[in-house]
């Protein structure tokens, strides 16, 4: 028999994660959005937004971003500083509750609950708790922390191409693509037609711990073949850019364009 504490906790968890809005869910989201500590210096997890601030031209005030694995509208967000600057875009997450938080705070964006992969099909979604940092459809990543899995259910995947084409941003070149898909990042990247959307900057997660491993990784080689430069690595995030990116500071763009072809990423 469950203890009274366990029964109350289960009651609240069911109310908070319910598909239909309710007062318990609203209180939880308001606390999560407005009472959660948010870094004043930077919003992103490792300062990615400060790096972007330094790299971008001061005139880059109305860009378009796509944020896959967006998590929270402010905390650990690679795009909230850009949103405040005037950028707008698409936020995608596996967790419907997180997307409800985006709808409350960033209603001018297009916020979508979806599992993104390079093929459409039914996969298992592993959750590590209510509004957890970790939710994944990558089985290998999930099973590394098997004892912490709170639930697992089936979900239908969609490609990034198909998701974007169903929004008002269909066909619009991407200025920033941010991917944090907990081990499924390369699959998400491959689900986008890079020739059509040509993201100028890509921030993508890696759990590799040294540059030699990154340089030999499938992800790095994939983006190198597509003509991208690796211009920064902070925390778990690799930051790539196209060399002729008009959003970059002119001096940085000049440096990239002077790199010998044999040195290009």
Protein backbone atom coordinates (compact mmCIF):
# COMPACT_ATOMS: atom_id res chain seq x y z
CA UNK A 1 0.00 0.00 0.00
CA UNK A 2 1.26 3.45 -0.88
CA UNK A 3 2.10 5.88 1.90
CA UNK A 4 0.03 9.11 2.11
CA UNK A 5 3.04 11.04 0.78
CA UNK A 6 3.37 8.67 -2.20
CA UNK A 7 -0.36 8.92 -2.91
CA UNK A 8 -0.24 12.74 -2.87
CA UNK A 9 2.86 12.75 -5.09
CA UNK A 10 1.22 10.40 -7.60
CA UNK A 11 -1.95 12.53 -7.59
CA UNK A 12 0.03 15.72 -8.32
CA UNK A 13 2.18 14.04 -10.99
CA UNK A 14 -0.93 12.79 -12.79
CA UNK A 15 -2.53 16.24 -12.62
CA UNK A 16 0.62 18.02 -13.82
CA UNK A 17 1.22 15.66 -16.74
CA UNK A 18 -2.41 15.47 -17.84
CA UNK A 19 -3.06 16.29 -21.49
CA UNK A 20 -5.89 18.66 -20.55
CA UNK A 21 -4.97 21.92 -18.76
CA UNK A 22 -5.92 22.11 -15.09
CA UNK A 23 -5.23 24.35 -12.09
CA UNK A 24 -2.48 22.08 -10.71
CA UNK A 25 -0.68 22.10 -14.04
CA UNK A 26 -0.97 25.87 -14.31
CA UNK A 27 0.50 26.43 -10.83
CA UNK A 28 3.37 24.06 -11.68
CA UNK A 29 4.15 25.84 -14.95
CA UNK A 30 3.99 29.29 -13.37
CA UNK A 31 6.45 28.16 -10.71
CA UNK A 32 8.67 26.50 -13.30
CA UNK A 33 8.71 29.57 -15.55
CA UNK A 34 8.87 32.46 -13.10
CA UNK A 35 10.34 31.06 -9.87
CA UNK A 36 12.99 28.79 -11.36
CA UNK A 37 16.42 30.38 -11.03
CA UNK A 38 17.53 31.78 -14.38
CA UNK A 39 21.11 32.87 -14.97
CA UNK A 40 21.42 36.63 -15.31
CA UNK A 41 24.68 36.50 -17.26
CA UNK A 42 23.47 33.89 -19.73
CA UNK A 43 20.34 31.82 -20.27
CA UNK A 44 21.83 28.81 -22.04
CA UNK A 45 23.35 25.90 -20.14
CA UNK A 46 27.01 26.59 -20.94
CA UNK A 47 26.95 30.17 -22.22
CA UNK A 48 26.20 29.33 -25.86
CA UNK A 49 24.02 32.42 -26.15
CA UNK A 50 26.92 34.66 -25.03
CA UNK A 51 29.13 33.13 -27.70
CA UNK A 52 26.44 33.84 -30.28
CA UNK A 53 26.11 37.39 -28.97
CA UNK A 54 29.86 37.89 -29.48
CA UNK A 55 29.96 36.26 -32.92
CA UNK A 56 26.86 37.86 -34.44
CA UNK A 57 26.78 41.21 -36.18
CA UNK A 58 25.02 43.92 -34.17
CA UNK A 59 22.53 44.26 -37.03
CA UNK A 60 21.37 40.62 -36.77
CA UNK A 61 18.11 41.44 -35.00
CA UNK A 62 15.38 39.53 -36.83
CA UNK A 63 16.61 36.01 -37.50
CA UNK A 64 14.82 32.67 -37.71
CA UNK A 65 15.75 29.78 -35.39
CA UNK A 66 14.73 26.15 -35.00
CA UNK A 67 15.31 24.71 -31.52
CA UNK A 68 14.96 20.92 -31.20
CA UNK A 69 14.93 19.73 -27.61
CA UNK A 70 14.06 23.21 -26.40
CA UNK A 71 13.34 22.20 -22.75
CA UNK A 72 12.49 25.57 -21.13
CA UNK A 73 11.52 28.97 -22.59
CA UNK A 74 14.26 30.72 -20.59
CA UNK A 75 16.45 28.41 -18.52
CA UNK A 76 19.15 26.53 -20.49
CA UNK A 77 17.79 28.09 -23.67
CA UNK A 78 20.09 28.77 -26.63
CA UNK A 79 17.41 30.94 -28.22
CA UNK A 80 15.78 33.06 -25.49
CA UNK A 81 18.36 35.88 -25.76
CA UNK A 82 17.74 35.91 -29.52
CA UNK A 83 13.97 35.92 -28.92
CA UNK A 84 14.39 39.03 -26.74
CA UNK A 85 16.47 40.54 -29.56
CA UNK A 86 13.64 40.12 -32.06
CA UNK A 87 14.27 36.68 -33.53
CA UNK A 88 11.38 34.22 -33.90
CA UNK A 89 11.22 30.56 -34.72
CA UNK A 90 10.14 27.01 -34.01
CA UNK A 91 10.59 25.26 -30.65
CA UNK A 92 10.22 21.48 -30.58
CA UNK A 93 10.24 19.10 -27.63
CA UNK A 94 9.13 15.55 -26.85
CA UNK A 95 7.34 16.68 -23.70
CA UNK A 96 3.93 18.34 -24.10
CA UNK A 97 4.27 20.01 -20.70
CA UNK A 98 7.41 21.85 -21.82
CA UNK A 99 5.67 23.08 -24.96
CA UNK A 100 2.82 24.40 -22.80
CA UNK A 101 5.44 26.45 -20.93
CA UNK A 102 6.66 27.87 -24.26
CA UNK A 103 3.11 28.77 -25.24
CA UNK A 104 2.79 30.79 -22.03
CA UNK A 105 6.09 32.68 -22.38
CA UNK A 106 6.94 32.67 -26.09
CA UNK A 107 3.60 32.76 -27.86
CA UNK A 108 5.09 34.55 -30.87
CA UNK A 109 7.10 31.41 -31.66
CA UNK A 110 5.68 28.25 -33.18
CA UNK A 111 5.84 25.63 -30.39
CA UNK A 112 5.41 21.97 -31.27
CA UNK A 113 5.34 18.69 -29.36
CA UNK A 114 7.11 16.09 -31.50
CA UNK A 115 9.76 13.38 -31.57
CA UNK A 116 12.19 14.19 -34.38
CA UNK A 117 14.13 11.56 -36.30
CA UNK A 118 15.44 10.84 -39.80
CA UNK A 119 12.52 8.52 -40.49
CA UNK A 120 8.86 8.38 -39.59
CA UNK A 121 7.85 5.46 -37.39
CA UNK A 122 6.93 4.29 -33.92
CA UNK A 123 9.67 4.37 -31.27
CA UNK A 124 9.83 4.22 -27.49
CA UNK A 125 10.06 7.48 -25.56
CA UNK A 126 11.94 7.20 -22.27
CA UNK A 127 11.16 9.79 -19.58
CA UNK A 128 13.25 10.46 -16.49
CA UNK A 129 10.66 12.46 -14.55
CA UNK A 130 8.25 15.37 -14.69
CA UNK A 131 9.87 18.23 -16.62
CA UNK A 132 13.16 16.35 -16.57
CA UNK A 133 16.26 17.56 -18.40
CA UNK A 134 16.42 14.12 -19.99
CA UNK A 135 13.78 12.63 -22.25
CA UNK A 136 14.95 10.60 -25.20
CA UNK A 137 13.99 8.21 -27.95
CA UNK A 138 17.58 6.98 -28.17
CA UNK A 139 17.50 3.58 -26.50
CA UNK A 140 21.27 3.38 -25.94
CA UNK A 141 21.29 6.74 -24.15
CA UNK A 142 18.29 5.78 -22.02
CA UNK A 143 19.65 2.41 -20.96
CA UNK A 144 22.88 3.96 -19.72
CA UNK A 145 20.73 5.35 -16.90
CA UNK A 146 18.20 2.52 -16.81
CA UNK A 147 17.56 2.75 -13.06
CA UNK A 148 16.47 6.40 -13.41
CA UNK A 149 13.83 5.79 -16.10
CA UNK A 150 10.42 6.78 -14.75
CA UNK A 151 8.27 5.80 -17.71
CA UNK A 152 8.38 4.57 -21.30
CA UNK A 153 5.74 4.82 -23.97
CA UNK A 154 5.44 4.61 -27.74
CA UNK A 155 5.52 7.75 -29.85
CA UNK A 156 5.47 8.44 -33.58
CA UNK A 157 8.48 10.25 -34.99
CA UNK A 158 8.43 13.05 -37.55
CA UNK A 159 11.18 14.51 -39.71
CA UNK A 160 12.33 18.07 -39.23
CA UNK A 161 11.49 18.80 -42.87
CA UNK A 162 7.89 17.71 -42.37
CA UNK A 163 7.50 19.71 -39.15
CA UNK A 164 8.87 22.95 -40.63
CA UNK A 165 6.78 22.61 -43.78
CA UNK A 166 3.64 22.59 -41.63
CA UNK A 167 4.43 26.00 -40.11
CA UNK A 168 4.45 29.62 -41.31
CA UNK A 169 8.23 29.29 -41.71
CA UNK A 170 8.01 26.71 -44.51
CA UNK A 171 10.81 27.19 -47.03
CA UNK A 172 12.51 29.96 -45.03
CA UNK A 173 16.31 29.57 -44.68
CA UNK A 174 17.31 28.87 -41.09
CA UNK A 175 19.65 31.31 -39.34
CA UNK A 176 20.22 29.15 -36.24
CA UNK A 177 19.54 25.43 -35.79
CA UNK A 178 19.92 24.22 -32.20
CA UNK A 179 19.74 20.47 -31.53
CA UNK A 180 19.80 18.82 -28.10
CA UNK A 181 18.27 15.38 -28.63
CA UNK A 182 19.99 13.26 -25.99
CA UNK A 183 21.96 10.90 -28.25
CA UNK A 184 19.67 11.24 -31.28
CA UNK A 185 21.22 14.49 -32.53
CA UNK A 186 22.70 13.26 -35.81
CA UNK A 187 19.39 11.58 -36.71
CA UNK A 188 17.62 14.92 -36.17
CA UNK A 189 20.20 16.71 -38.33
CA UNK A 190 19.79 14.17 -41.12
CA UNK A 191 16.03 14.70 -41.10
CA UNK A 192 16.52 18.24 -42.44
CA UNK A 193 17.14 19.11 -46.10
CA UNK A 194 20.31 21.15 -45.55
CA UNK A 195 20.37 22.21 -49.18
CA UNK A 196 16.93 23.75 -48.88
CA UNK A 197 17.08 25.30 -45.41
CA UNK A 198 20.84 26.01 -45.25
CA UNK A 199 21.16 26.75 -41.52
CA UNK A 200 23.84 29.41 -41.16
CA UNK A 201 24.76 28.38 -37.61
CA UNK A 202 24.29 24.95 -36.02
CA UNK A 203 24.57 24.28 -32.29
CA UNK A 204 24.48 20.55 -31.64
CA UNK A 205 25.09 18.41 -28.59
CA UNK A 206 27.93 15.92 -28.24
CA UNK A 207 28.90 13.83 -25.23
CA UNK A 208 32.43 13.24 -26.55
CA UNK A 209 35.11 14.57 -24.23
CA UNK A 210 38.15 15.34 -26.38
CA UNK A 211 38.72 16.89 -29.79
CA UNK A 212 40.34 13.79 -31.31
CA UNK A 213 37.11 11.86 -30.70
CA UNK A 214 35.00 14.70 -32.05
CA UNK A 215 37.12 15.07 -35.17
CA UNK A 216 36.71 11.37 -35.98
CA UNK A 217 33.00 11.28 -35.15
CA UNK A 218 30.29 10.71 -37.72
CA UNK A 219 28.62 13.99 -36.76
CA UNK A 220 31.75 16.08 -37.31
CA UNK A 221 32.54 14.40 -40.63
CA UNK A 222 28.95 14.83 -41.79
CA UNK A 223 29.00 18.60 -41.22
CA UNK A 224 32.52 18.95 -42.62
CA UNK A 225 31.32 17.38 -45.86
CA UNK A 226 28.47 19.92 -45.94
CA UNK A 227 30.97 22.81 -45.77
CA UNK A 228 30.63 23.83 -42.12
CA UNK A 229 33.38 25.22 -39.86
CA UNK A 230 33.58 24.28 -36.20
CA UNK A 231 34.09 27.68 -34.56
CA UNK A 232 33.47 26.89 -30.90
CA UNK A 233 33.03 24.07 -28.43
CA UNK A 234 31.56 24.77 -25.01
CA UNK A 235 30.23 22.24 -22.52
CA UNK A 236 28.33 19.62 -24.55
CA UNK A 237 27.72 21.97 -27.49
CA UNK A 238 29.55 22.17 -30.80
CA UNK A 239 28.96 25.40 -32.73
CA UNK A 240 29.31 25.29 -36.52
CA UNK A 241 28.89 27.98 -39.16
CA UNK A 242 28.89 28.35 -42.91
CA UNK A 243 31.91 30.44 -44.00
CA UNK A 244 29.95 33.13 -45.86
CA UNK A 245 27.47 33.61 -43.03
CA UNK A 246 26.20 37.22 -43.32
CA UNK A 247 25.07 37.16 -39.68
CA UNK A 248 28.65 37.00 -38.40
CA UNK A 249 30.79 39.98 -37.45
CA UNK A 250 32.65 41.15 -40.58
CA UNK A 251 36.10 40.49 -39.06
CA UNK A 252 35.19 36.91 -38.12
CA UNK A 253 33.68 36.29 -41.54
CA UNK A 254 36.89 37.57 -43.17
CA UNK A 255 39.00 35.19 -41.09
CA UNK A 256 36.83 32.22 -42.04
CA UNK A 257 36.93 33.07 -45.72
CA UNK A 258 40.74 33.24 -45.63
CA UNK A 259 41.12 29.74 -44.22
CA UNK A 260 42.84 27.44 -46.72
CA UNK A 261 40.49 24.81 -48.19
CA UNK A 262 42.60 22.02 -46.66
CA UNK A 263 41.97 23.50 -43.19
CA UNK A 264 38.22 23.81 -43.53
CA UNK A 265 35.93 21.91 -41.20
